Amino acid sequence: MRKVLETAKQIPDAAGIGRVVPEIGDETIRERFVYSYRLVYKLDERQITVVAVIHGKRLLENVSERFN
């Protein structure tokens, strides 16, 4: 879990480095991979919100309501 937290702390320095989540297709919803996990975050003009840390095999549709 330490690596997930380290990665989350690095996001503000290079938020655009994460890839656009393919299931969503929205430029403001991005992800970084940490081992078998997806760290999904939403970019806003004022803030970055981590919306999910999910196992790579879990379906993203189960957490998609968090993006609104």
C-alpha atoms as a PDB file:
ATOM      1  CA  MET A   1       0.000   0.000   0.000  1.00  0.00           C
ATOM      2  CA  ARG A   2       2.971   2.284   0.524  1.00  0.00           C
ATOM      3  CA  LYS A   3       3.652   2.419  -3.219  1.00  0.00           C
ATOM      4  CA  VAL A   4       0.035   3.445  -3.894  1.00  0.00           C
ATOM      5  CA  LEU A   5       0.384   6.361  -1.468  1.00  0.00           C
ATOM      6  CA  GLU A   6       3.731   7.384  -2.975  1.00  0.00           C
ATOM      7  CA  THR A   7       2.215   7.361  -6.457  1.00  0.00           C
ATOM      8  CA  ALA A   8      -0.802   9.378  -5.286  1.00  0.00           C
ATOM      9  CA  LYS A   9       1.507  12.004  -3.776  1.00  0.00           C
ATOM     10  CA  GLN A  10       3.338  12.334  -7.115  1.00  0.00           C
ATOM     11  CA  ILE A  11       0.190  13.005  -9.172  1.00  0.00           C
ATOM     12  CA  PRO A  12       0.074  16.803  -8.605  1.00  0.00           C
ATOM     13  CA  ASP A  13       3.611  17.142  -9.994  1.00  0.00           C
ATOM     14  CA  ALA A  14       2.707  15.410 -13.274  1.00  0.00           C
ATOM     15  CA  ALA A  15      -1.047  14.833 -13.404  1.00  0.00           C
ATOM     16  CA  GLY A  16      -1.103  14.504 -17.176  1.00  0.00           C
ATOM     17  CA  ILE A  17       1.308  11.585 -17.152  1.00  0.00           C
ATOM     18  CA  GLY A  18      -1.470   9.137 -16.299  1.00  0.00           C
ATOM     19  CA  ARG A  19      -3.321   7.587 -19.190  1.00  0.00           C
ATOM     20  CA  VAL A  20      -6.929   8.402 -19.966  1.00  0.00           C
ATOM     21  CA  VAL A  21      -9.104   5.600 -18.570  1.00  0.00           C
ATOM     22  CA  PRO A  22     -10.144   3.712 -21.720  1.00  0.00           C
ATOM     23  CA  GLU A  23     -13.560   2.669 -20.372  1.00  0.00           C
ATOM     24  CA  ILE A  24     -14.476   6.317 -19.721  1.00  0.00           C
ATOM     25  CA  GLY A  25     -12.743   8.176 -22.558  1.00  0.00           C
ATOM     26  CA  ASP A  26     -12.754  11.472 -20.643  1.00  0.00           C
ATOM     27  CA  GLU A  27      -9.503  13.493 -20.621  1.00  0.00           C
ATOM     28  CA  THR A  28     -10.106  14.467 -16.995  1.00  0.00           C
ATOM     29  CA  ILE A  29     -10.333  10.868 -15.743  1.00  0.00           C
ATOM     30  CA  ARG A  30      -6.871   9.330 -15.666  1.00  0.00           C
ATOM     31  CA  GLU A  31      -5.103   6.392 -14.098  1.00  0.00           C
ATOM     32  CA  ARG A  32      -1.716   5.251 -12.966  1.00  0.00           C
ATOM     33  CA  PHE A  33      -0.827   1.617 -12.451  1.00  0.00           C
ATOM     34  CA  VAL A  34       0.730   0.440  -9.207  1.00  0.00           C
ATOM     35  CA  TYR A  35       1.551  -3.250  -9.393  1.00  0.00           C
ATOM     36  CA  SER A  36      -1.835  -4.967 -10.000  1.00  0.00           C
ATOM     37  CA  TYR A  37      -3.852  -1.913  -9.011  1.00  0.00           C
ATOM     38  CA  ARG A  38      -5.299   1.036 -10.899  1.00  0.00           C
ATOM     39  CA  LEU A  39      -5.120   4.397  -9.166  1.00  0.00           C
ATOM     40  CA  VAL A  40      -7.919   6.354 -10.839  1.00  0.00           C
ATOM     41  CA  TYR A  41      -8.122  10.122 -10.411  1.00  0.00           C
ATOM     42  CA  LYS A  42     -10.117  13.061 -11.722  1.00  0.00           C
ATOM     43  CA  LEU A  43      -8.503  16.308 -12.823  1.00  0.00           C
ATOM     44  CA  ASP A  44     -10.221  19.586 -12.093  1.00  0.00           C
ATOM     45  CA  GLU A  45      -9.034  23.173 -12.489  1.00  0.00           C
ATOM     46  CA  ARG A  46      -8.553  23.494  -8.742  1.00  0.00           C
ATOM     47  CA  GLN A  47      -7.975  19.983  -7.478  1.00  0.00           C
ATOM     48  CA  ILE A  48      -7.126  16.381  -8.204  1.00  0.00           C
ATOM     49  CA  THR A  49      -9.372  13.771  -6.628  1.00  0.00           C
ATOM     50  CA  VAL A  50      -8.416  10.115  -6.280  1.00  0.00           C
ATOM     51  CA  VAL A  51     -11.696   8.378  -6.997  1.00  0.00           C
ATOM     52  CA  ALA A  52     -10.657   4.732  -6.839  1.00  0.00           C
ATOM     53  CA  VAL A  53      -7.889   2.289  -6.149  1.00  0.00           C
ATOM     54  CA  ILE A  54      -9.067  -0.967  -7.640  1.00  0.00           C
ATOM     55  CA  HIS A  55      -7.546  -4.279  -8.586  1.00  0.00           C
ATOM     56  CA  GLY A  56      -6.788  -4.435 -12.287  1.00  0.00           C
ATOM     57  CA  LYS A  57      -9.174  -7.359 -12.806  1.00  0.00           C
ATOM     58  CA  ARG A  58     -12.152  -5.616 -11.208  1.00  0.00           C
ATOM     59  CA  LEU A  59     -14.656  -3.984 -13.533  1.00  0.00           C
ATOM     60  CA  LEU A  60     -14.501  -0.195 -13.488  1.00  0.00           C
ATOM     61  CA  GLU A  61     -18.256   0.086 -14.042  1.00  0.00           C
ATOM     62  CA  ASN A  62     -18.725  -0.783 -10.373  1.00  0.00           C
ATOM     63  CA  VAL A  63     -17.168   2.548  -9.319  1.00  0.00           C
ATOM     64  CA  SER A  64     -18.113   4.781 -12.253  1.00  0.00           C
ATOM     65  CA  GLU A  65     -20.681   6.766 -10.212  1.00  0.00           C
ATOM     66  CA  ARG A  66     -17.757   8.288  -8.265  1.00  0.00           C
ATOM     67  CA  PHE A  67     -16.688  10.304 -11.311  1.00  0.00           C
ATOM     68  CA  ASN A  68     -19.657  12.692 -11.207  1.00  0.00           C
END
